[in-house]
C-alpha atoms as a PDB file:
ATOM      1  CA  MET A   1     -67.571   6.077  53.391  1.00  0.00           C
ATOM      2  CA  ALA A   2     -64.861   7.966  51.123  1.00  0.00           C
ATOM      3  CA  LEU A   3     -62.090   9.810  52.294  1.00  0.00           C
ATOM      4  CA  THR A   4     -61.661  13.021  50.751  1.00  0.00           C
ATOM      5  CA  ILE A   5     -57.883  13.846  50.423  1.00  0.00           C
ATOM      6  CA  GLY A   6     -55.490  16.839  49.651  1.00  0.00           C
ATOM      7  CA  ILE A   7     -51.798  17.073  48.605  1.00  0.00           C
ATOM      8  CA  ILE A   8     -49.767  19.741  49.528  1.00  0.00           C
ATOM      9  CA  GLY A   9     -46.408  19.833  47.627  1.00  0.00           C
ATOM     10  CA  ALA A  10     -46.017  17.738  44.292  1.00  0.00           C
ATOM     11  CA  GLY A  11     -42.984  17.502  43.580  1.00  0.00           C
ATOM     12  CA  ARG A  12     -41.360  13.807  43.493  1.00  0.00           C
ATOM     13  CA  ILE A  13     -42.657  12.514  46.782  1.00  0.00           C
ATOM     14  CA  GLY A  14     -45.869  14.254  46.485  1.00  0.00           C
ATOM     15  CA  LYS A  15     -46.636  12.864  43.103  1.00  0.00           C
ATOM     16  CA  LEU A  16     -45.856   8.723  45.039  1.00  0.00           C
ATOM     17  CA  HIS A  17     -48.398   9.397  47.298  1.00  0.00           C
ATOM     18  CA  ALA A  18     -51.022  10.638  44.974  1.00  0.00           C
ATOM     19  CA  ASP A  19     -50.737   7.719  42.770  1.00  0.00           C
ATOM     20  CA  ASN A  20     -50.594   5.255  45.799  1.00  0.00           C
ATOM     21  CA  LEU A  21     -53.705   6.691  47.298  1.00  0.00           C
ATOM     22  CA  ARG A  22     -55.357   5.986  44.136  1.00  0.00           C
ATOM     23  CA  LEU A  23     -54.861   2.294  44.807  1.00  0.00           C
ATOM     24  CA  ILE A  24     -57.272   3.079  48.000  1.00  0.00           C
ATOM     25  CA  PRO A  25     -60.909   2.800  46.316  1.00  0.00           C
ATOM     26  CA  GLN A  26     -62.422   4.796  49.477  1.00  0.00           C
ATOM     27  CA  ILE A  27     -59.982   7.859  48.304  1.00  0.00           C
ATOM     28  CA  ARG A  28     -61.091  10.764  46.614  1.00  0.00           C
ATOM     29  CA  ILE A  29     -58.158  13.318  46.221  1.00  0.00           C
ATOM     30  CA  LYS A  30     -60.222  16.669  45.481  1.00  0.00           C
ATOM     31  CA  SER A  31     -56.978  19.217  45.478  1.00  0.00           C
ATOM     32  CA  VAL A  32     -53.238  19.565  45.267  1.00  0.00           C
ATOM     33  CA  SER A  33     -51.481  22.664  45.703  1.00  0.00           C
ATOM     34  CA  ASP A  34     -48.084  23.177  44.375  1.00  0.00           C
ATOM     35  CA  ILE A  35     -45.793  26.617  44.684  1.00  0.00           C
ATOM     36  CA  ALA A  36     -46.092  26.158  40.635  1.00  0.00           C
ATOM     37  CA  THR A  37     -48.765  24.546  38.374  1.00  0.00           C
ATOM     38  CA  ASP A  38     -48.220  24.880  35.208  1.00  0.00           C
ATOM     39  CA  HIS A  39     -46.664  22.445  34.368  1.00  0.00           C
ATOM     40  CA  LEU A  40     -48.892  19.712  36.506  1.00  0.00           C
ATOM     41  CA  LYS A  41     -51.833  20.157  34.642  1.00  0.00           C
ATOM     42  CA  ALA A  42     -51.409  17.149  32.476  1.00  0.00           C
ATOM     43  CA  TRP A  43     -50.777  15.506  35.123  1.00  0.00           C
ATOM     44  CA  ALA A  44     -53.611  16.271  37.512  1.00  0.00           C
ATOM     45  CA  ILE A  45     -56.031  15.495  34.385  1.00  0.00           C
ATOM     46  CA  GLU A  46     -54.644  11.830  34.378  1.00  0.00           C
ATOM     47  CA  LYS A  47     -54.724  11.367  38.183  1.00  0.00           C
ATOM     48  CA  GLN A  48     -58.161  12.649  38.188  1.00  0.00           C
ATOM     49  CA  ILE A  49     -57.547  15.682  40.602  1.00  0.00           C
ATOM     50  CA  GLU A  50     -60.155  18.286  40.831  1.00  0.00           C
ATOM     51  CA  VAL A  51     -58.236  21.274  42.191  1.00  0.00           C
ATOM     52  CA  LEU A  52     -54.576  22.847  41.167  1.00  0.00           C
ATOM     53  CA  THR A  53     -54.034  25.104  43.303  1.00  0.00           C
ATOM     54  CA  THR A  54     -51.103  27.563  44.306  1.00  0.00           C
ATOM     55  CA  GLU A  55     -52.654  28.693  47.835  1.00  0.00           C
ATOM     56  CA  TYR A  56     -52.082  25.678  50.422  1.00  0.00           C
ATOM     57  CA  GLN A  57     -54.499  27.451  52.825  1.00  0.00           C
ATOM     58  CA  GLU A  58     -57.159  26.941  49.962  1.00  0.00           C
ATOM     59  CA  ILE A  59     -57.165  22.979  51.171  1.00  0.00           C
ATOM     60  CA  LEU A  60     -57.204  23.833  54.511  1.00  0.00           C
ATOM     61  CA  ASN A  61     -60.223  26.006  54.152  1.00  0.00           C
ATOM     62  CA  ASP A  62     -61.837  23.352  51.899  1.00  0.00           C
ATOM     63  CA  PRO A  63     -64.599  22.042  54.386  1.00  0.00           C
ATOM     64  CA  GLU A  64     -64.735  18.806  52.566  1.00  0.00           C
ATOM     65  CA  ILE A  65     -61.157  18.002  52.976  1.00  0.00           C
ATOM     66  CA  GLU A  66     -60.683  15.348  55.603  1.00  0.00           C
ATOM     67  CA  ALA A  67     -57.048  15.122  55.621  1.00  0.00           C
ATOM     68  CA  VAL A  68     -53.599  16.388  54.103  1.00  0.00           C
ATOM     69  CA  PHE A  69     -50.384  14.978  53.060  1.00  0.00           C
ATOM     70  CA  ILE A  70     -47.575  17.765  53.492  1.00  0.00           C
ATOM     71  CA  CYS A  71     -45.182  17.265  51.069  1.00  0.00           C
ATOM     72  CA  SER A  72     -43.263  20.698  51.217  1.00  0.00           C
ATOM     73  CA  PRO A  73     -40.030  21.184  52.193  1.00  0.00           C
ATOM     74  CA  THR A  74     -39.156  20.811  55.655  1.00  0.00           C
ATOM     75  CA  ASN A  75     -38.996  24.764  56.385  1.00  0.00           C
ATOM     76  CA  THR A  76     -42.588  24.666  56.137  1.00  0.00           C
ATOM     77  CA  HIS A  77     -44.016  21.624  57.924  1.00  0.00           C
ATOM     78  CA  ALA A  78     -43.893  22.342  61.132  1.00  0.00           C
ATOM     79  CA  ALA A  79     -46.077  26.013  60.101  1.00  0.00           C
ATOM     80  CA  ILE A  80     -48.539  23.681  57.485  1.00  0.00           C
ATOM     81  CA  ILE A  81     -48.942  21.083  60.852  1.00  0.00           C
ATOM     82  CA  LYS A  82     -49.692  24.062  62.769  1.00  0.00           C
ATOM     83  CA  GLU A  83     -52.355  25.228  60.387  1.00  0.00           C
ATOM     84  CA  ALA A  84     -53.824  22.037  59.509  1.00  0.00           C
ATOM     85  CA  ALA A  85     -54.510  21.072  63.058  1.00  0.00           C
ATOM     86  CA  ALA A  86     -56.063  24.857  63.180  1.00  0.00           C
ATOM     87  CA  ALA A  87     -58.638  23.422  60.605  1.00  0.00           C
ATOM     88  CA  LYS A  88     -59.539  20.116  61.968  1.00  0.00           C
ATOM     89  CA  LYS A  89     -57.282  18.063  59.024  1.00  0.00           C
ATOM     90  CA  HIS A  90     -55.955  14.612  59.730  1.00  0.00           C
ATOM     91  CA  ILE A  91     -52.257  14.963  59.022  1.00  0.00           C
ATOM     92  CA  PHE A  92     -49.349  12.915  56.890  1.00  0.00           C
ATOM     93  CA  CYS A  93     -46.186  14.820  56.950  1.00  0.00           C
ATOM     94  CA  GLU A  94     -43.279  13.601  55.120  1.00  0.00           C
ATOM     95  CA  LYS A  95     -39.995  13.548  57.543  1.00  0.00           C
ATOM     96  CA  PRO A  96     -38.063  15.112  58.951  1.00  0.00           C
ATOM     97  CA  VAL A  97     -41.231  17.415  60.852  1.00  0.00           C
ATOM     98  CA  SER A  98     -38.706  20.206  61.371  1.00  0.00           C
ATOM     99  CA  PHE A  99     -35.029  20.821  61.684  1.00  0.00           C
ATOM    100  CA  THR A 100     -34.969  22.475  65.159  1.00  0.00           C
ATOM    101  CA  VAL A 101     -36.839  20.183  68.551  1.00  0.00           C
ATOM    102  CA  GLU A 102     -38.058  23.040  69.535  1.00  0.00           C
ATOM    103  CA  GLU A 103     -40.332  23.688  66.744  1.00  0.00           C
ATOM    104  CA  THR A 104     -41.613  19.962  66.053  1.00  0.00           C
ATOM    105  CA  GLU A 105     -42.633  20.211  69.554  1.00  0.00           C
ATOM    106  CA  GLU A 106     -44.946  23.237  68.787  1.00  0.00           C
ATOM    107  CA  ALA A 107     -46.190  21.329  66.055  1.00  0.00           C
ATOM    108  CA  LEU A 108     -47.029  18.284  68.079  1.00  0.00           C
ATOM    109  CA  ALA A 109     -48.725  20.601  70.473  1.00  0.00           C
ATOM    110  CA  ALA A 110     -51.053  21.928  68.138  1.00  0.00           C
ATOM    111  CA  VAL A 111     -52.127  18.032  66.649  1.00  0.00           C
ATOM    112  CA  GLU A 112     -52.741  17.612  70.576  1.00  0.00           C
ATOM    113  CA  LYS A 113     -54.456  20.323  71.269  1.00  0.00           C
ATOM    114  CA  ALA A 114     -56.414  19.838  68.007  1.00  0.00           C
ATOM    115  CA  GLY A 115     -57.342  16.094  68.539  1.00  0.00           C
ATOM    116  CA  VAL A 116     -56.288  15.171  65.020  1.00  0.00           C
ATOM    117  CA  LYS A 117     -54.091  12.418  64.594  1.00  0.00           C
ATOM    118  CA  LEU A 118     -50.296  13.239  62.932  1.00  0.00           C
ATOM    119  CA  GLN A 119     -48.525  10.384  60.761  1.00  0.00           C
ATOM    120  CA  VAL A 120     -44.606  10.981  60.232  1.00  0.00           C
ATOM    121  CA  GLY A 121     -43.383   9.529  56.773  1.00  0.00           C
ATOM    122  CA  PHE A 122     -40.849   6.937  58.087  1.00  0.00           C
ATOM    123  CA  ASN A 123     -41.858   4.406  55.348  1.00  0.00           C
ATOM    124  CA  ARG A 124     -38.790   1.817  56.239  1.00  0.00           C
ATOM    125  CA  ARG A 125     -41.164   0.950  59.326  1.00  0.00           C
ATOM    126  CA  PHE A 126     -43.577  -0.527  56.700  1.00  0.00           C
ATOM    127  CA  ASP A 127     -40.993  -2.764  54.964  1.00  0.00           C
ATOM    128  CA  PRO A 128     -42.185  -6.092  55.440  1.00  0.00           C
ATOM    129  CA  ASN A 129     -38.793  -7.320  55.650  1.00  0.00           C
ATOM    130  CA  PHE A 130     -37.626  -4.882  58.739  1.00  0.00           C
ATOM    131  CA  ARG A 131     -41.198  -5.463  59.854  1.00  0.00           C
ATOM    132  CA  LYS A 132     -40.095  -8.762  60.141  1.00  0.00           C
ATOM    133  CA  VAL A 133     -37.019  -8.121  62.413  1.00  0.00           C
ATOM    134  CA  ARG A 134     -39.055  -6.097  64.479  1.00  0.00           C
ATOM    135  CA  GLN A 135     -41.201  -8.453  65.068  1.00  0.00           C
ATOM    136  CA  LEU A 136     -38.464 -11.422  65.985  1.00  0.00           C
ATOM    137  CA  VAL A 137     -37.348  -9.112  68.267  1.00  0.00           C
ATOM    138  CA  GLN A 138     -40.555  -8.329  69.902  1.00  0.00           C
ATOM    139  CA  ASP A 139     -41.256 -12.211  69.914  1.00  0.00           C
ATOM    140  CA  GLY A 140     -37.577 -12.909  71.914  1.00  0.00           C
ATOM    141  CA  GLU A 141     -36.596 -15.337  68.761  1.00  0.00           C
ATOM    142  CA  ILE A 142     -33.105 -13.783  69.064  1.00  0.00           C
ATOM    143  CA  GLY A 143     -33.211 -13.501  73.071  1.00  0.00           C
ATOM    144  CA  THR A 144     -31.646  -9.784  74.611  1.00  0.00           C
ATOM    145  CA  PRO A 145     -30.720  -7.727  72.025  1.00  0.00           C
ATOM    146  CA  HIS A 146     -26.432  -7.137  72.310  1.00  0.00           C
ATOM    147  CA  MET A 147     -26.385  -5.434  68.926  1.00  0.00           C
ATOM    148  CA  LEU A 148     -27.752  -4.125  66.237  1.00  0.00           C
ATOM    149  CA  ARG A 149     -26.067  -2.475  62.570  1.00  0.00           C
ATOM    150  CA  ILE A 150     -27.852  -0.624  59.678  1.00  0.00           C
ATOM    151  CA  THR A 151     -26.186  -0.082  56.614  1.00  0.00           C
ATOM    152  CA  SER A 152     -27.366   2.435  54.652  1.00  0.00           C
ATOM    153  CA  ARG A 153     -26.246   4.177  51.293  1.00  0.00           C
ATOM    154  CA  ASP A 154     -27.128   6.101  48.459  1.00  0.00           C
ATOM    155  CA  PRO A 155     -26.464   5.098  44.438  1.00  0.00           C
ATOM    156  CA  GLN A 156     -25.411   8.744  44.699  1.00  0.00           C
ATOM    157  CA  PRO A 157     -25.817  12.295  46.418  1.00  0.00           C
ATOM    158  CA  PRO A 158     -28.361  14.888  45.831  1.00  0.00           C
ATOM    159  CA  GLY A 159     -27.461  17.877  43.978  1.00  0.00           C
ATOM    160  CA  VAL A 160     -25.699  20.510  46.216  1.00  0.00           C
ATOM    161  CA  GLU A 161     -28.551  23.244  45.901  1.00  0.00           C
ATOM    162  CA  TYR A 162     -30.624  19.986  47.888  1.00  0.00           C
ATOM    163  CA  ILE A 163     -27.301  19.655  49.930  1.00  0.00           C
ATOM    164  CA  LYS A 164     -27.665  23.172  51.319  1.00  0.00           C
ATOM    165  CA  SER A 165     -31.330  23.480  52.396  1.00  0.00           C
ATOM    166  CA  SER A 166     -31.257  19.388  53.883  1.00  0.00           C
ATOM    167  CA  GLY A 167     -30.880  20.317  57.244  1.00  0.00           C
ATOM    168  CA  GLY A 168     -27.658  18.140  56.925  1.00  0.00           C
ATOM    169  CA  LEU A 169     -26.886  14.544  56.194  1.00  0.00           C
ATOM    170  CA  PHE A 170     -28.191  13.231  59.785  1.00  0.00           C
ATOM    171  CA  MET A 171     -30.967  15.220  59.740  1.00  0.00           C
ATOM    172  CA  ASP A 172     -31.890  14.266  56.004  1.00  0.00           C
ATOM    173  CA  MET A 173     -30.239  10.767  55.447  1.00  0.00           C
ATOM    174  CA  THR A 174     -29.997   9.053  59.026  1.00  0.00           C
ATOM    175  CA  ILE A 175     -32.901   9.979  60.363  1.00  0.00           C
ATOM    176  CA  HIS A 176     -34.179   7.301  59.081  1.00  0.00           C
ATOM    177  CA  ASP A 177     -31.810   4.783  60.547  1.00  0.00           C
ATOM    178  CA  PHE A 178     -32.081   6.302  63.710  1.00  0.00           C
ATOM    179  CA  ASP A 179     -35.623   5.947  63.342  1.00  0.00           C
ATOM    180  CA  MET A 180     -35.028   2.823  62.190  1.00  0.00           C
ATOM    181  CA  ALA A 181     -32.981   1.699  65.589  1.00  0.00           C
ATOM    182  CA  ARG A 182     -35.540   2.982  67.975  1.00  0.00           C
ATOM    183  CA  TYR A 183     -38.087   1.349  65.894  1.00  0.00           C
ATOM    184  CA  VAL A 184     -36.524  -2.453  65.403  1.00  0.00           C
ATOM    185  CA  MET A 185     -34.290  -2.669  69.037  1.00  0.00           C
ATOM    186  CA  GLY A 186     -37.778  -1.459  70.838  1.00  0.00           C
ATOM    187  CA  SER A 187     -35.899   0.747  72.949  1.00  0.00           C
ATOM    188  CA  GLU A 188     -34.801   4.336  73.657  1.00  0.00           C
ATOM    189  CA  VAL A 189     -31.561   5.517  72.475  1.00  0.00           C
ATOM    190  CA  THR A 190     -29.288   7.484  75.534  1.00  0.00           C
ATOM    191  CA  GLU A 191     -26.008   8.285  73.982  1.00  0.00           C
ATOM    192  CA  VAL A 192     -24.590   8.877  70.276  1.00  0.00           C
ATOM    193  CA  SER A 193     -21.214   9.361  69.074  1.00  0.00           C
ATOM    194  CA  ALA A 194     -20.658  10.267  65.728  1.00  0.00           C
ATOM    195  CA  TYR A 195     -17.632  10.180  62.945  1.00  0.00           C
ATOM    196  CA  GLY A 196     -18.007  11.892  59.164  1.00  0.00           C
ATOM    197  CA  THR A 197     -16.163  13.335  56.528  1.00  0.00           C
ATOM    198  CA  VAL A 198     -15.753  14.141  53.303  1.00  0.00           C
ATOM    199  CA  LEU A 199     -14.638  11.045  50.618  1.00  0.00           C
ATOM    200  CA  VAL A 200     -17.551  11.768  47.932  1.00  0.00           C
ATOM    201  CA  ASP A 201     -17.230  14.952  46.732  1.00  0.00           C
ATOM    202  CA  PRO A 202     -15.491  17.913  48.091  1.00  0.00           C
ATOM    203  CA  VAL A 203     -18.257  20.268  46.892  1.00  0.00           C
ATOM    204  CA  ILE A 204     -20.635  18.718  49.755  1.00  0.00           C
ATOM    205  CA  GLY A 205     -17.757  19.927  52.556  1.00  0.00           C
ATOM    206  CA  GLU A 206     -17.875  23.305  50.638  1.00  0.00           C
ATOM    207  CA  ALA A 207     -22.092  23.692  51.325  1.00  0.00           C
ATOM    208  CA  GLY A 208     -21.180  22.386  54.528  1.00  0.00           C
ATOM    209  CA  ASP A 209     -22.226  19.017  54.864  1.00  0.00           C
ATOM    210  CA  ILE A 210     -20.418  15.632  55.095  1.00  0.00           C
ATOM    211  CA  ASP A 211     -20.832  12.371  53.154  1.00  0.00           C
ATOM    212  CA  THR A 212     -19.486   9.720  55.126  1.00  0.00           C
ATOM    213  CA  ALA A 213     -20.579   8.578  58.286  1.00  0.00           C
ATOM    214  CA  VAL A 214     -20.709   5.932  60.906  1.00  0.00           C
ATOM    215  CA  ILE A 215     -22.722   6.420  64.179  1.00  0.00           C
ATOM    216  CA  SER A 216     -22.227   4.513  67.203  1.00  0.00           C
ATOM    217  CA  LEU A 217     -25.241   4.157  69.748  1.00  0.00           C
ATOM    218  CA  LYS A 218     -26.167   3.376  73.364  1.00  0.00           C
ATOM    219  CA  PHE A 219     -29.745   2.189  74.089  1.00  0.00           C
ATOM    220  CA  ALA A 220     -31.906   2.066  76.930  1.00  0.00           C
ATOM    221  CA  ASN A 221     -31.612  -1.472  77.360  1.00  0.00           C
ATOM    222  CA  GLY A 222     -27.958  -1.520  77.316  1.00  0.00           C
ATOM    223  CA  ALA A 223     -27.471  -2.801  73.831  1.00  0.00           C
ATOM    224  CA  LEU A 224     -25.376  -1.116  71.349  1.00  0.00           C
ATOM    225  CA  GLY A 225     -25.880   0.162  67.982  1.00  0.00           C
ATOM    226  CA  VAL A 226     -23.906   0.794  64.760  1.00  0.00           C
ATOM    227  CA  ILE A 227     -25.121   3.118  61.707  1.00  0.00           C
ATOM    228  CA  GLU A 228     -22.942   3.668  58.574  1.00  0.00           C
ATOM    229  CA  ASN A 229     -23.925   6.518  55.872  1.00  0.00           C
ATOM    230  CA  SER A 230     -22.322   7.270  51.896  1.00  0.00           C
ATOM    231  CA  ARG A 231     -23.936   9.456  49.865  1.00  0.00           C
ATOM    232  CA  ARG A 232     -22.463   7.221  47.434  1.00  0.00           C
ATOM    233  CA  ALA A 233     -22.360   3.283  47.161  1.00  0.00           C
ATOM    234  CA  ALA A 234     -21.352   2.825  43.390  1.00  0.00           C
ATOM    235  CA  TYR A 235     -23.208  -0.902  43.138  1.00  0.00           C
ATOM    236  CA  GLY A 236     -26.449   0.558  43.809  1.00  0.00           C
ATOM    237  CA  TYR A 237     -28.935   1.411  46.587  1.00  0.00           C
ATOM    238  CA  ASP A 238     -27.346  -0.656  49.937  1.00  0.00           C
ATOM    239  CA  GLN A 239     -29.926  -1.242  52.796  1.00  0.00           C
ATOM    240  CA  ARG A 240     -28.844  -3.735  55.788  1.00  0.00           C
ATOM    241  CA  LEU A 241     -29.808  -4.462  58.954  1.00  0.00           C
ATOM    242  CA  GLU A 242     -28.602  -6.993  61.954  1.00  0.00           C
ATOM    243  CA  VAL A 243     -29.974  -7.387  65.373  1.00  0.00           C
ATOM    244  CA  PHE A 244     -27.843 -10.019  67.529  1.00  0.00           C
ATOM    245  CA  GLY A 245     -28.578 -11.308  70.436  1.00  0.00           C
ATOM    246  CA  ASP A 246     -27.713 -13.733  73.391  1.00  0.00           C
ATOM    247  CA  ARG A 247     -30.068 -16.648  71.432  1.00  0.00           C
ATOM    248  CA  GLY A 248     -29.332 -15.934  67.679  1.00  0.00           C
ATOM    249  CA  ALA A 249     -29.450 -12.827  64.760  1.00  0.00           C
ATOM    250  CA  ALA A 250     -31.640 -11.960  62.305  1.00  0.00           C
ATOM    251  CA  ASN A 251     -30.575 -10.087  58.696  1.00  0.00           C
ATOM    252  CA  VAL A 252     -31.957  -7.965  55.973  1.00  0.00           C
ATOM    253  CA  ASP A 253     -29.969  -8.089  53.166  1.00  0.00           C
ATOM    254  CA  ASN A 254     -30.309  -5.652  50.245  1.00  0.00           C
ATOM    255  CA  ASN A 255     -33.789  -6.335  47.385  1.00  0.00           C
ATOM    256  CA  ARG A 256     -32.390  -7.363  44.287  1.00  0.00           C
ATOM    257  CA  ALA A 257     -34.929  -7.242  40.827  1.00  0.00           C
ATOM    258  CA  THR A 258     -34.322 -11.509  41.345  1.00  0.00           C
ATOM    259  CA  ASN A 259     -32.955 -13.894  44.184  1.00  0.00           C
ATOM    260  CA  VAL A 260     -30.708 -15.758  41.373  1.00  0.00           C
ATOM    261  CA  GLU A 261     -27.376 -16.708  41.737  1.00  0.00           C
ATOM    262  CA  VAL A 262     -25.046 -17.925  39.200  1.00  0.00           C
ATOM    263  CA  SER A 263     -22.180 -20.165  39.989  1.00  0.00           C
ATOM    264  CA  THR A 264     -19.559 -20.315  37.330  1.00  0.00           C
ATOM    265  CA  VAL A 265     -15.829 -22.229  37.282  1.00  0.00           C
ATOM    266  CA  ASN A 266     -15.237 -18.278  36.934  1.00  0.00           C
ATOM    267  CA  HIS A 267     -17.373 -16.552  39.154  1.00  0.00           C
ATOM    268  CA  VAL A 268     -20.646 -16.446  41.269  1.00  0.00           C
ATOM    269  CA  ALA A 269     -22.671 -13.467  40.888  1.00  0.00           C
ATOM    270  CA  LYS A 270     -25.953 -12.501  41.452  1.00  0.00           C
ATOM    271  CA  GLU A 271     -27.935  -8.682  40.569  1.00  0.00           C
ATOM    272  CA  LYS A 272     -27.233  -5.558  41.687  1.00  0.00           C
ATOM    273  CA  PRO A 273     -29.416  -4.301  44.524  1.00  0.00           C
ATOM    274  CA  LEU A 274     -32.947  -2.241  43.177  1.00  0.00           C
ATOM    275  CA  TYR A 275     -31.099   1.292  42.313  1.00  0.00           C
ATOM    276  CA  PHE A 276     -32.868   3.820  44.929  1.00  0.00           C
ATOM    277  CA  PHE A 277     -35.773   4.407  46.968  1.00  0.00           C
ATOM    278  CA  LEU A 278     -38.565   4.075  45.348  1.00  0.00           C
ATOM    279  CA  GLU A 279     -37.633   1.054  43.969  1.00  0.00           C
ATOM    280  CA  ARG A 280     -36.285  -0.413  47.584  1.00  0.00           C
ATOM    281  CA  TYR A 281     -39.168   0.920  49.339  1.00  0.00           C
ATOM    282  CA  THR A 282     -41.874   0.559  46.457  1.00  0.00           C
ATOM    283  CA  GLN A 283     -44.050  -1.790  49.026  1.00  0.00           C
ATOM    284  CA  ALA A 284     -43.883   0.224  52.158  1.00  0.00           C
ATOM    285  CA  TYR A 285     -44.554   3.300  50.566  1.00  0.00           C
ATOM    286  CA  ILE A 286     -48.270   2.069  49.455  1.00  0.00           C
ATOM    287  CA  ASP A 287     -48.681   0.193  52.894  1.00  0.00           C
ATOM    288  CA  GLU A 288     -47.885   3.379  55.025  1.00  0.00           C
ATOM    289  CA  VAL A 289     -50.480   5.271  53.397  1.00  0.00           C
ATOM    290  CA  THR A 290     -53.012   2.566  53.081  1.00  0.00           C
ATOM    291  CA  GLU A 291     -52.747   1.829  56.839  1.00  0.00           C
ATOM    292  CA  PHE A 292     -53.172   6.001  57.764  1.00  0.00           C
ATOM    293  CA  VAL A 293     -56.527   5.855  55.533  1.00  0.00           C
ATOM    294  CA  SER A 294     -57.125   2.820  58.022  1.00  0.00           C
ATOM    295  CA  PHE A 295     -56.768   4.535  61.014  1.00  0.00           C
ATOM    296  CA  ILE A 296     -58.122   7.694  60.186  1.00  0.00           C
ATOM    297  CA  MET A 297     -61.538   5.450  58.847  1.00  0.00           C
ATOM    298  CA  ASN A 298     -61.601   3.673  61.831  1.00  0.00           C
ATOM    299  CA  ASN A 299     -60.236   6.052  64.143  1.00  0.00           C
ATOM    300  CA  GLN A 300     -57.442   4.466  65.361  1.00  0.00           C
ATOM    301  CA  ASP A 301     -53.893   5.855  66.520  1.00  0.00           C
ATOM    302  CA  VAL A 302     -51.741   5.861  63.852  1.00  0.00           C
ATOM    303  CA  SER A 303     -48.088   3.566  63.929  1.00  0.00           C
ATOM    304  CA  CYS A 304     -45.654   6.477  63.696  1.00  0.00           C
ATOM    305  CA  THR A 305     -46.609   9.313  65.651  1.00  0.00           C
ATOM    306  CA  GLY A 306     -45.104  12.649  65.908  1.00  0.00           C
ATOM    307  CA  PHE A 307     -43.509  11.733  68.883  1.00  0.00           C
ATOM    308  CA  ASP A 308     -41.197   9.385  66.634  1.00  0.00           C
ATOM    309  CA  GLY A 309     -40.679  12.205  64.814  1.00  0.00           C
ATOM    310  CA  LEU A 310     -39.253  14.336  67.592  1.00  0.00           C
ATOM    311  CA  GLN A 311     -36.902  11.504  69.038  1.00  0.00           C
ATOM    312  CA  ALA A 312     -35.673  10.552  65.573  1.00  0.00           C
ATOM    313  CA  GLU A 313     -34.852  14.455  65.161  1.00  0.00           C
ATOM    314  CA  ARG A 314     -33.112  14.688  69.464  1.00  0.00           C
ATOM    315  CA  ILE A 315     -30.433  11.974  67.489  1.00  0.00           C
ATOM    316  CA  ALA A 316     -29.947  13.944  64.931  1.00  0.00           C
ATOM    317  CA  ARG A 317     -29.242  16.700  66.479  1.00  0.00           C
ATOM    318  CA  ALA A 318     -27.143  14.841  68.983  1.00  0.00           C
ATOM    319  CA  ALA A 319     -25.021  13.173  66.387  1.00  0.00           C
ATOM    320  CA  LYS A 320     -24.201  16.394  65.267  1.00  0.00           C
ATOM    321  CA  GLN A 321     -23.379  17.800  68.331  1.00  0.00           C
ATOM    322  CA  SER A 322     -21.415  14.581  68.403  1.00  0.00           C
ATOM    323  CA  LEU A 323     -19.814  15.171  65.234  1.00  0.00           C
ATOM    324  CA  GLU A 324     -18.814  19.135  65.742  1.00  0.00           C
ATOM    325  CA  THR A 325     -17.455  18.265  69.504  1.00  0.00           C
ATOM    326  CA  GLY A 326     -15.899  15.118  69.293  1.00  0.00           C
ATOM    327  CA  LEU A 327     -17.533  13.760  71.857  1.00  0.00           C
ATOM    328  CA  PRO A 328     -20.164  11.529  72.588  1.00  0.00           C
ATOM    329  CA  VAL A 329     -23.168  13.421  73.901  1.00  0.00           C
ATOM    330  CA  LYS A 330     -26.361  11.935  76.049  1.00  0.00           C
ATOM    331  CA  LEU A 331     -29.631  12.769  74.338  1.00  0.00           C
ATOM    332  CA  ASN A 332     -30.732  14.626  77.109  1.00  0.00           C
ATOM    333  CA  GLN A 333     -27.652  16.875  76.901  1.00  0.00           C
ATOM    334  CA  ALA A 334     -28.109  17.719  72.982  1.00  0.00           C
ATOM    335  CA  SER A 335     -27.884  21.101  72.600  1.00  0.00           C
ATOM    336  CA  PRO A 336     -30.341  23.127  70.880  1.00  0.00           C
ATOM    337  CA  ALA A 337     -27.788  24.836  68.624  1.00  0.00           C
ATOM    338  CA  ALA A 338     -26.739  21.684  66.984  1.00  0.00           C
ATOM    339  CA  ALA A 339     -29.273  21.051  65.556  1.00  0.00           C
ATOM    340  CA  ASN A 340     -29.081  24.267  63.474  1.00  0.00           C
END
């Protein structure tokens, strides 16, 4: 049994998914669409992709294609999800589903009506380290969770044009951490307080965004959380997490090329963290597409749903509103305008 797939958007993440899908024997990547294809011809031949097109509707109209990967810019996601659902294609969509909760809710309603599967690309859920911590929390190994701390810092900021179209730090970068908070703690976020500033590059501020943030969370189970973000860590991609409970704590440190620590009379040293997300989450990216394929072929529910995407967007919206007002925001009080 084989599954025929089309990929919409052949930028960095679309190409990554294509590489990882080709590791799965049951997969046939028939078609890839992008706004321009001339630069993709050699790549498509190398990857044994049969059809290149500038019109993603050709993928949706192809009866052989059973599932699509939406890797296009975020402002196209919701519309393509609705079209793909109407065409009865199963859907893998990169995060976020959209920039507004209202658009996301419309897309999820279309998916439910069509009876197709939708998985959102929160790849960190598939990282073996974070999965282990979630399991420890679920199994009660650290007792009742009291506090969560997430550190997430990029090695360098993206270009200003990306910043302008990204939806802002909370929707673009911190949204992974918002999802991770819900995933690891097994509880919904009920209140958000966000603080942010521009310390990395004034151009980011001129583009209307922040590059440094601290967000505090309250969970429905009574626990507290803190997320800290920076667009630039001089030493590499900093991805750490700790859950503290009444019986102990579970920690995830950075991944490094090796775990060797050198101790001499002059210093104690170990290698810097892996440089960025492609290196840090290599296995997670493989596992998320492998499981998506398995969910479809075995007619199982996906493990990272459209509702998970929606909840992360709601938290991001509340964080932006808190930043703008200087006040804590309860999730049921977040204003739709705060996401725009």
